All heavy atoms as atom14 arrays in JSON, in Angstrom:
{
  "sequence": "GVKMIMHHETSGSTRNYERHLDTAFQFMNKYDYDAVKTGYVG",
  "atom14_mask": [
    [1, 1, 1, 1, 0, 0, 0, 0, 0, 0, 0, 0, 0, 0],
    [1, 1, 1, 1, 1, 1, 1, 0, 0, 0, 0, 0, 0, 0],
    [1, 1, 1, 1, 1, 1, 1, 1, 1, 0, 0, 0, 0, 0],
    [1, 1, 1, 1, 1, 1, 1, 1, 0, 0, 0, 0, 0, 0],
    [1, 1, 1, 1, 1, 1, 1, 1, 0, 0, 0, 0, 0, 0],
    [1, 1, 1, 1, 1, 1, 1, 1, 0, 0, 0, 0, 0, 0],
    [1, 1, 1, 1, 1, 1, 1, 1, 1, 1, 0, 0, 0, 0],
    [1, 1, 1, 1, 1, 1, 1, 1, 1, 1, 0, 0, 0, 0],
    [1, 1, 1, 1, 1, 1, 1, 1, 1, 0, 0, 0, 0, 0],
    [1, 1, 1, 1, 1, 1, 1, 0, 0, 0, 0, 0, 0, 0],
    [1, 1, 1, 1, 1, 1, 0, 0, 0, 0, 0, 0, 0, 0],
    [1, 1, 1, 1, 0, 0, 0, 0, 0, 0, 0, 0, 0, 0],
    [1, 1, 1, 1, 1, 1, 0, 0, 0, 0, 0, 0, 0, 0],
    [1, 1, 1, 1, 1, 1, 1, 0, 0, 0, 0, 0, 0, 0],
    [1, 1, 1, 1, 1, 1, 1, 1, 1, 1, 1, 0, 0, 0],
    [1, 1, 1, 1, 1, 1, 1, 1, 0, 0, 0, 0, 0, 0],
    [1, 1, 1, 1, 1, 1, 1, 1, 1, 1, 1, 1, 0, 0],
    [1, 1, 1, 1, 1, 1, 1, 1, 1, 0, 0, 0, 0, 0],
    [1, 1, 1, 1, 1, 1, 1, 1, 1, 1, 1, 0, 0, 0],
    [1, 1, 1, 1, 1, 1, 1, 1, 1, 1, 0, 0, 0, 0],
    [1, 1, 1, 1, 1, 1, 1, 1, 0, 0, 0, 0, 0, 0],
    [1, 1, 1, 1, 1, 1, 1, 1, 0, 0, 0, 0, 0, 0],
    [1, 1, 1, 1, 1, 1, 1, 0, 0, 0, 0, 0, 0, 0],
    [1, 1, 1, 1, 1, 0, 0, 0, 0, 0, 0, 0, 0, 0],
    [1, 1, 1, 1, 1, 1, 1, 1, 1, 1, 1, 0, 0, 0],
    [1, 1, 1, 1, 1, 1, 1, 1, 1, 0, 0, 0, 0, 0],
    [1, 1, 1, 1, 1, 1, 1, 1, 1, 1, 1, 0, 0, 0],
    [1, 1, 1, 1, 1, 1, 1, 1, 0, 0, 0, 0, 0, 0],
    [1, 1, 1, 1, 1, 1, 1, 1, 0, 0, 0, 0, 0, 0],
    [1, 1, 1, 1, 1, 1, 1, 1, 1, 0, 0, 0, 0, 0],
    [1, 1, 1, 1, 1, 1, 1, 1, 1, 1, 1, 1, 0, 0],
    [1, 1, 1, 1, 1, 1, 1, 1, 0, 0, 0, 0, 0, 0],
    [1, 1, 1, 1, 1, 1, 1, 1, 1, 1, 1, 1, 0, 0],
    [1, 1, 1, 1, 1, 1, 1, 1, 0, 0, 0, 0, 0, 0],
    [1, 1, 1, 1, 1, 0, 0, 0, 0, 0, 0, 0, 0, 0],
    [1, 1, 1, 1, 1, 1, 1, 0, 0, 0, 0, 0, 0, 0],
    [1, 1, 1, 1, 1, 1, 1, 1, 1, 0, 0, 0, 0, 0],
    [1, 1, 1, 1, 1, 1, 1, 0, 0, 0, 0, 0, 0, 0],
    [1, 1, 1, 1, 0, 0, 0, 0, 0, 0, 0, 0, 0, 0],
    [1, 1, 1, 1, 1, 1, 1, 1, 1, 1, 1, 1, 0, 0],
    [1, 1, 1, 1, 1, 1, 1, 0, 0, 0, 0, 0, 0, 0],
    [1, 1, 1, 1, 0, 0, 0, 0, 0, 0, 0, 0, 0, 0]
  ],
  "atom14_positions": [
    [[0.78, -1.2, 0.0], [-0.02, -0.01, 0.01], [0.85, 1.28, 0.0], [0.4, 2.31, 0.53], [0.0, 0.0, 0.0], [0.0, 0.0, 0.0], [0.0, 0.0, 0.0], [0.0, 0.0, 0.0], [0.0, 0.0, 0.0], [0.0, 0.0, 0.0], [0.0, 0.0, 0.0], [0.0, 0.0, 0.0], [0.0, 0.0, 0.0], [0.0, 0.0, 0.0]],
    [[2.03, 1.18, -0.59], [2.94, 2.32, -0.65], [3.17, 2.72, -2.1], [3.39, 1.86, -2.94], [4.31, 1.96, 0.07], [5.3, 3.05, -0.12], [4.07, 1.7, 1.51], [0.0, 0.0, 0.0], [0.0, 0.0, 0.0], [0.0, 0.0, 0.0], [0.0, 0.0, 0.0], [0.0, 0.0, 0.0], [0.0, 0.0, 0.0], [0.0, 0.0, 0.0]],
    [[3.23, 4.07, -2.35], [3.49, 4.56, -3.64], [5.01, 4.81, -3.77], [5.69, 5.29, -2.86], [2.76, 5.88, -3.91], [1.33, 5.7, -4.16], [1.03, 5.48, -5.62], [-0.37, 5.56, -6.0], [-0.6, 5.35, -7.46], [0.0, 0.0, 0.0], [0.0, 0.0, 0.0], [0.0, 0.0, 0.0], [0.0, 0.0, 0.0], [0.0, 0.0, 0.0]],
    [[5.58, 4.47, -4.93], [6.97, 4.86, -5.19], [7.01, 6.23, -5.85], [6.15, 6.59, -6.63], [7.64, 3.84, -6.15], [7.69, 2.39, -5.55], [8.58, 2.33, -3.98], [10.17, 2.89, -4.46], [0.0, 0.0, 0.0], [0.0, 0.0, 0.0], [0.0, 0.0, 0.0], [0.0, 0.0, 0.0], [0.0, 0.0, 0.0], [0.0, 0.0, 0.0]],
    [[8.02, 7.02, -5.43], [8.18, 8.39, -5.99], [9.45, 8.41, -6.87], [10.51, 7.96, -6.4], [8.31, 9.4, -4.83], [7.05, 9.43, -4.0], [8.62, 10.79, -5.37], [7.08, 10.34, -2.76], [0.0, 0.0, 0.0], [0.0, 0.0, 0.0], [0.0, 0.0, 0.0], [0.0, 0.0, 0.0], [0.0, 0.0, 0.0], [0.0, 0.0, 0.0]],
    [[9.29, 8.85, -8.08], [10.32, 8.87, -9.06], [11.34, 10.01, -8.8], [10.97, 11.04, -8.21], [9.71, 8.96, -10.46], [10.69, 9.03, -11.56], [11.85, 7.6, -11.65], [10.66, 6.29, -12.17], [0.0, 0.0, 0.0], [0.0, 0.0, 0.0], [0.0, 0.0, 0.0], [0.0, 0.0, 0.0], [0.0, 0.0, 0.0], [0.0, 0.0, 0.0]],
    [[12.55, 9.8, -9.3], [13.56, 10.84, -9.27], [14.17, 11.06, -10.61], [14.62, 10.08, -11.24], [14.68, 10.52, -8.27], [15.73, 11.58, -8.17], [17.05, 11.3, -8.39], [15.63, 12.87, -7.92], [17.76, 12.5, -8.19], [16.91, 13.44, -7.96], [0.0, 0.0, 0.0], [0.0, 0.0, 0.0], [0.0, 0.0, 0.0], [0.0, 0.0, 0.0]],
    [[14.13, 12.26, -11.13], [14.76, 12.62, -12.39], [15.75, 13.76, -12.23], [15.39, 14.92, -12.21], [13.64, 13.13, -13.42], [12.75, 12.11, -13.92], [11.55, 12.36, -14.57], [12.85, 10.74, -13.93], [10.94, 11.24, -14.96], [11.72, 10.21, -14.52], [0.0, 0.0, 0.0], [0.0, 0.0, 0.0], [0.0, 0.0, 0.0], [0.0, 0.0, 0.0]],
    [[16.94, 13.4, -11.99], [18.03, 14.4, -11.95], [18.38, 14.64, -13.45], [18.59, 13.76, -14.2], [19.24, 13.91, -11.2], [20.45, 14.87, -11.21], [20.08, 16.28, -10.71], [19.58, 16.46, -9.61], [20.25, 17.25, -11.56], [0.0, 0.0, 0.0], [0.0, 0.0, 0.0], [0.0, 0.0, 0.0], [0.0, 0.0, 0.0], [0.0, 0.0, 0.0]],
    [[18.47, 15.97, -13.8], [18.83, 16.28, -15.19], [20.19, 16.73, -15.33], [20.69, 16.88, -16.48], [17.92, 17.47, -15.67], [18.29, 18.63, -15.02], [16.38, 17.08, -15.47], [0.0, 0.0, 0.0], [0.0, 0.0, 0.0], [0.0, 0.0, 0.0], [0.0, 0.0, 0.0], [0.0, 0.0, 0.0], [0.0, 0.0, 0.0], [0.0, 0.0, 0.0]],
    [[20.95, 16.99, -14.23], [22.28, 17.66, -14.27], [22.28, 18.94, -15.06], [23.27, 19.3, -15.69], [23.31, 16.68, -14.87], [24.6, 17.15, -14.6], [0.0, 0.0, 0.0], [0.0, 0.0, 0.0], [0.0, 0.0, 0.0], [0.0, 0.0, 0.0], [0.0, 0.0, 0.0], [0.0, 0.0, 0.0], [0.0, 0.0, 0.0], [0.0, 0.0, 0.0]],
    [[21.13, 19.61, -15.11], [20.93, 20.86, -15.81], [20.83, 20.77, -17.28], [20.73, 21.73, -18.07], [0.0, 0.0, 0.0], [0.0, 0.0, 0.0], [0.0, 0.0, 0.0], [0.0, 0.0, 0.0], [0.0, 0.0, 0.0], [0.0, 0.0, 0.0], [0.0, 0.0, 0.0], [0.0, 0.0, 0.0], [0.0, 0.0, 0.0], [0.0, 0.0, 0.0]],
    [[20.81, 19.46, -17.81], [20.7, 19.26, -19.31], [19.23, 19.32, -19.66], [18.57, 18.24, -19.8], [21.34, 17.94, -19.63], [21.33, 17.76, -21.03], [0.0, 0.0, 0.0], [0.0, 0.0, 0.0], [0.0, 0.0, 0.0], [0.0, 0.0, 0.0], [0.0, 0.0, 0.0], [0.0, 0.0, 0.0], [0.0, 0.0, 0.0], [0.0, 0.0, 0.0]],
    [[18.76, 20.49, -19.9], [17.28, 20.7, -20.1], [16.84, 20.09, -21.46], [15.74, 19.48, -21.53], [16.9, 22.18, -20.04], [17.73, 22.91, -21.03], [17.19, 22.72, -18.64], [0.0, 0.0, 0.0], [0.0, 0.0, 0.0], [0.0, 0.0, 0.0], [0.0, 0.0, 0.0], [0.0, 0.0, 0.0], [0.0, 0.0, 0.0], [0.0, 0.0, 0.0]],
    [[17.64, 20.26, -22.48], [17.21, 19.73, -23.79], [17.13, 18.19, -23.78], [16.2, 17.59, -24.34], [18.16, 20.16, -24.9], [18.18, 21.67, -25.16], [19.05, 22.07, -26.33], [20.37, 21.51, -26.17], [21.26, 21.47, -27.18], [20.95, 21.86, -28.37], [22.5, 20.95, -26.99], [0.0, 0.0, 0.0], [0.0, 0.0, 0.0], [0.0, 0.0, 0.0]],
    [[18.1, 17.59, -23.09], [18.04, 16.13, -22.96], [16.78, 15.67, -22.22], [16.18, 14.65, -22.66], [19.29, 15.66, -22.22], [19.3, 14.15, -22.06], [19.3, 13.37, -23.05], [19.29, 13.68, -20.81], [0.0, 0.0, 0.0], [0.0, 0.0, 0.0], [0.0, 0.0, 0.0], [0.0, 0.0, 0.0], [0.0, 0.0, 0.0], [0.0, 0.0, 0.0]],
    [[16.44, 16.38, -21.18], [15.22, 16.01, -20.43], [13.97, 16.18, -21.3], [13.11, 15.26, -21.34], [15.08, 16.89, -19.17], [14.04, 16.35, -18.18], [13.83, 15.04, -17.99], [13.38, 17.31, -17.37], [12.9, 14.56, -17.07], [12.46, 16.81, -16.38], [12.21, 15.49, -16.28], [11.31, 15.09, -15.32], [0.0, 0.0, 0.0], [0.0, 0.0, 0.0]],
    [[13.85, 17.22, -22.08], [12.69, 17.4, -22.88], [12.62, 16.29, -24.0], [11.54, 15.83, -24.32], [12.77, 18.79, -23.54], [12.5, 19.94, -22.53], [12.45, 21.29, -23.21], [12.42, 21.36, -24.46], [12.44, 22.3, -22.48], [0.0, 0.0, 0.0], [0.0, 0.0, 0.0], [0.0, 0.0, 0.0], [0.0, 0.0, 0.0], [0.0, 0.0, 0.0]],
    [[13.78, 15.88, -24.47], [13.77, 14.84, -25.49], [13.17, 13.52, -24.94], [12.58, 12.69, -25.61], [15.15, 14.53, -25.99], [15.73, 15.62, -26.95], [16.93, 15.13, -27.72], [18.08, 14.82, -26.83], [19.01, 15.66, -26.61], [18.96, 16.9, -27.09], [20.03, 15.38, -25.79], [0.0, 0.0, 0.0], [0.0, 0.0, 0.0], [0.0, 0.0, 0.0]],
    [[13.4, 13.33, -23.63], [13.04, 12.05, -22.98], [11.74, 12.13, -22.18], [11.33, 11.15, -21.56], [14.15, 11.57, -22.07], [15.34, 11.08, -22.81], [16.36, 11.87, -23.16], [15.7, 9.86, -23.24], [17.32, 11.18, -23.83], [16.89, 9.93, -23.84], [0.0, 0.0, 0.0], [0.0, 0.0, 0.0], [0.0, 0.0, 0.0], [0.0, 0.0, 0.0]],
    [[11.12, 13.28, -22.08], [9.93, 13.49, -21.15], [8.86, 12.49, -21.42], [8.36, 11.86, -20.5], [9.43, 14.91, -21.26], [9.94, 15.9, -20.28], [9.25, 17.24, -20.47], [9.78, 15.43, -18.86], [0.0, 0.0, 0.0], [0.0, 0.0, 0.0], [0.0, 0.0, 0.0], [0.0, 0.0, 0.0], [0.0, 0.0, 0.0], [0.0, 0.0, 0.0]],
    [[8.41, 12.39, -22.67], [7.24, 11.53, -22.9], [7.59, 10.06, -22.55], [6.77, 9.38, -21.86], [6.83, 11.59, -24.36], [6.07, 12.84, -24.72], [4.97, 13.04, -24.16], [6.54, 13.71, -25.35], [0.0, 0.0, 0.0], [0.0, 0.0, 0.0], [0.0, 0.0, 0.0], [0.0, 0.0, 0.0], [0.0, 0.0, 0.0], [0.0, 0.0, 0.0]],
    [[8.75, 9.61, -22.95], [9.15, 8.24, -22.59], [9.27, 8.04, -21.11], [8.84, 7.03, -20.5], [10.47, 7.92, -23.27], [10.35, 8.07, -24.68], [10.9, 6.45, -22.93], [0.0, 0.0, 0.0], [0.0, 0.0, 0.0], [0.0, 0.0, 0.0], [0.0, 0.0, 0.0], [0.0, 0.0, 0.0], [0.0, 0.0, 0.0], [0.0, 0.0, 0.0]],
    [[9.8, 9.0, -20.41], [10.0, 8.97, -18.98], [8.67, 8.98, -18.22], [8.49, 8.23, -17.26], [10.87, 10.11, -18.45], [0.0, 0.0, 0.0], [0.0, 0.0, 0.0], [0.0, 0.0, 0.0], [0.0, 0.0, 0.0], [0.0, 0.0, 0.0], [0.0, 0.0, 0.0], [0.0, 0.0, 0.0], [0.0, 0.0, 0.0], [0.0, 0.0, 0.0]],
    [[7.72, 9.75, -18.63], [6.42, 9.85, -18.01], [5.59, 8.56, -18.35], [4.81, 8.14, -17.5], [5.67, 11.09, -18.44], [6.24, 12.35, -17.78], [5.94, 13.62, -18.3], [7.07, 12.32, -16.68], [6.46, 14.77, -17.74], [7.54, 13.47, -16.07], [7.3, 14.66, -16.65], [0.0, 0.0, 0.0], [0.0, 0.0, 0.0], [0.0, 0.0, 0.0]],
    [[5.74, 8.05, -19.5], [5.09, 6.82, -19.86], [5.58, 5.65, -19.0], [4.82, 4.79, -18.5], [5.26, 6.44, -21.31], [4.45, 7.39, -22.28], [4.98, 7.35, -23.7], [5.79, 6.5, -24.06], [4.5, 8.28, -24.52], [0.0, 0.0, 0.0], [0.0, 0.0, 0.0], [0.0, 0.0, 0.0], [0.0, 0.0, 0.0], [0.0, 0.0, 0.0]],
    [[6.89, 5.66, -18.76], [7.49, 4.7, -17.83], [6.94, 4.8, -16.41], [6.64, 3.84, -15.79], [9.01, 4.94, -17.82], [9.81, 3.99, -16.98], [10.33, 2.8, -17.47], [10.12, 4.34, -15.63], [11.06, 1.99, -16.69], [10.87, 3.52, -14.84], [11.34, 2.3, -15.36], [0.0, 0.0, 0.0], [0.0, 0.0, 0.0], [0.0, 0.0, 0.0]],
    [[6.75, 6.05, -15.98], [6.14, 6.25, -14.61], [4.71, 5.77, -14.62], [4.34, 5.16, -13.61], [6.21, 7.78, -14.33], [7.59, 8.29, -14.0], [7.62, 10.06, -13.59], [6.48, 10.08, -12.15], [0.0, 0.0, 0.0], [0.0, 0.0, 0.0], [0.0, 0.0, 0.0], [0.0, 0.0, 0.0], [0.0, 0.0, 0.0], [0.0, 0.0, 0.0]],
    [[3.93, 6.07, -15.6], [2.58, 5.59, -15.66], [2.53, 4.01, -15.61], [1.71, 3.42, -14.9], [1.86, 6.05, -16.89], [1.45, 7.51, -16.85], [1.14, 8.11, -17.9], [1.5, 8.14, -15.65], [0.0, 0.0, 0.0], [0.0, 0.0, 0.0], [0.0, 0.0, 0.0], [0.0, 0.0, 0.0], [0.0, 0.0, 0.0], [0.0, 0.0, 0.0]],
    [[3.45, 3.39, -16.28], [3.44, 1.92, -16.38], [3.74, 1.3, -15.06], [3.11, 0.3, -14.66], [4.54, 1.5, -17.37], [4.65, -0.02, -17.49], [5.76, -0.4, -18.5], [5.88, -1.97, -18.58], [6.94, -2.33, -19.56], [0.0, 0.0, 0.0], [0.0, 0.0, 0.0], [0.0, 0.0, 0.0], [0.0, 0.0, 0.0], [0.0, 0.0, 0.0]],
    [[4.6, 1.93, -14.26], [5.0, 1.35, -12.96], [4.39, 2.11, -11.75], [4.83, 1.98, -10.63], [6.53, 1.35, -12.81], [7.12, 0.33, -13.8], [7.81, 0.76, -14.93], [7.0, -1.07, -13.54], [8.38, -0.16, -15.79], [7.54, -1.94, -14.4], [8.21, -1.51, -15.55], [8.75, -2.42, -16.44], [0.0, 0.0, 0.0], [0.0, 0.0, 0.0]],
    [[3.31, 2.89, -12.03], [2.49, 3.46, -11.02], [3.2, 4.52, -10.12], [2.91, 4.65, -8.93], [1.88, 2.35, -10.16], [0.63, 2.82, -9.35], [-0.04, 3.69, -9.89], [0.32, 2.27, -8.32], [0.0, 0.0, 0.0], [0.0, 0.0, 0.0], [0.0, 0.0, 0.0], [0.0, 0.0, 0.0], [0.0, 0.0, 0.0], [0.0, 0.0, 0.0]],
    [[4.15, 5.24, -10.74], [4.68, 6.41, -10.07], [3.82, 7.61, -10.43], [3.66, 8.0, -11.6], [6.1, 6.69, -10.59], [7.13, 5.67, -10.17], [7.35, 4.52, -10.88], [8.05, 5.98, -9.16], [8.33, 3.59, -10.52], [9.07, 5.1, -8.78], [9.19, 3.92, -9.46], [10.21, 3.05, -9.15], [0.0, 0.0, 0.0], [0.0, 0.0, 0.0]],
    [[3.24, 8.32, -9.43], [2.4, 9.46, -9.78], [3.05, 10.79, -9.26], [2.39, 11.86, -9.45], [1.04, 9.3, -9.14], [1.0, 9.18, -7.6], [2.07, 9.36, -7.01], [-0.02, 8.81, -7.06], [0.0, 0.0, 0.0], [0.0, 0.0, 0.0], [0.0, 0.0, 0.0], [0.0, 0.0, 0.0], [0.0, 0.0, 0.0], [0.0, 0.0, 0.0]],
    [[4.3, 10.74, -8.87], [4.97, 11.99, -8.52], [6.46, 11.82, -8.85], [7.03, 10.74, -8.76], [4.81, 12.28, -7.08], [0.0, 0.0, 0.0], [0.0, 0.0, 0.0], [0.0, 0.0, 0.0], [0.0, 0.0, 0.0], [0.0, 0.0, 0.0], [0.0, 0.0, 0.0], [0.0, 0.0, 0.0], [0.0, 0.0, 0.0], [0.0, 0.0, 0.0]],
    [[7.11, 12.93, -9.25], [8.53, 12.93, -9.56], [9.21, 14.1, -8.93], [8.71, 15.22, -8.97], [8.77, 12.86, -11.08], [8.1, 14.09, -11.78], [10.23, 12.78, -11.41], [0.0, 0.0, 0.0], [0.0, 0.0, 0.0], [0.0, 0.0, 0.0], [0.0, 0.0, 0.0], [0.0, 0.0, 0.0], [0.0, 0.0, 0.0], [0.0, 0.0, 0.0]],
    [[10.39, 13.83, -8.35], [11.26, 14.91, -7.92], [12.29, 15.15, -9.06], [13.07, 14.28, -9.4], [12.04, 14.48, -6.61], [13.12, 15.4, -6.14], [13.78, 14.9, -4.93], [14.96, 15.75, -4.51], [15.7, 15.24, -3.32], [0.0, 0.0, 0.0], [0.0, 0.0, 0.0], [0.0, 0.0, 0.0], [0.0, 0.0, 0.0], [0.0, 0.0, 0.0]],
    [[12.22, 16.36, -9.59], [13.14, 16.67, -10.63], [14.36, 17.47, -10.04], [14.2, 18.13, -8.99], [12.52, 17.54, -11.75], [12.06, 18.77, -11.15], [11.41, 16.79, -12.41], [0.0, 0.0, 0.0], [0.0, 0.0, 0.0], [0.0, 0.0, 0.0], [0.0, 0.0, 0.0], [0.0, 0.0, 0.0], [0.0, 0.0, 0.0], [0.0, 0.0, 0.0]],
    [[15.49, 17.46, -10.68], [16.68, 18.16, -10.19], [17.46, 18.81, -11.3], [17.5, 18.32, -12.47], [0.0, 0.0, 0.0], [0.0, 0.0, 0.0], [0.0, 0.0, 0.0], [0.0, 0.0, 0.0], [0.0, 0.0, 0.0], [0.0, 0.0, 0.0], [0.0, 0.0, 0.0], [0.0, 0.0, 0.0], [0.0, 0.0, 0.0], [0.0, 0.0, 0.0]],
    [[18.05, 19.96, -11.04], [18.85, 20.72, -11.98], [20.16, 21.15, -11.36], [20.54, 22.29, -11.45], [18.0, 21.95, -12.48], [16.76, 21.56, -13.2], [15.56, 21.3, -12.55], [16.76, 21.4, -14.59], [14.42, 20.92, -13.21], [15.65, 21.02, -15.25], [14.44, 20.78, -14.56], [13.3, 20.42, -15.26], [0.0, 0.0, 0.0], [0.0, 0.0, 0.0]],
    [[20.84, 20.19, -10.81], [22.17, 20.46, -10.18], [23.23, 20.77, -11.28], [23.29, 20.09, -12.26], [22.62, 19.23, -9.32], [24.04, 19.5, -8.77], [21.66, 18.97, -8.21], [0.0, 0.0, 0.0], [0.0, 0.0, 0.0], [0.0, 0.0, 0.0], [0.0, 0.0, 0.0], [0.0, 0.0, 0.0], [0.0, 0.0, 0.0], [0.0, 0.0, 0.0]],
    [[24.04, 21.81, -10.99], [25.1, 22.17, -11.9], [24.66, 23.18, -12.92], [23.54, 23.68, -12.95], [0.0, 0.0, 0.0], [0.0, 0.0, 0.0], [0.0, 0.0, 0.0], [0.0, 0.0, 0.0], [0.0, 0.0, 0.0], [0.0, 0.0, 0.0], [0.0, 0.0, 0.0], [0.0, 0.0, 0.0], [0.0, 0.0, 0.0], [0.0, 0.0, 0.0]]
  ]
}
């Protein structure tokens, strides 16, 4: 009865994240992650 929370560190690479967003969010939907912590370190 516990939800997993996703983590998406981008290392500041915004274009790379945008290229992968749909695939990453579809992956989250498949494995029942309904929240993500994003990061922009660097």
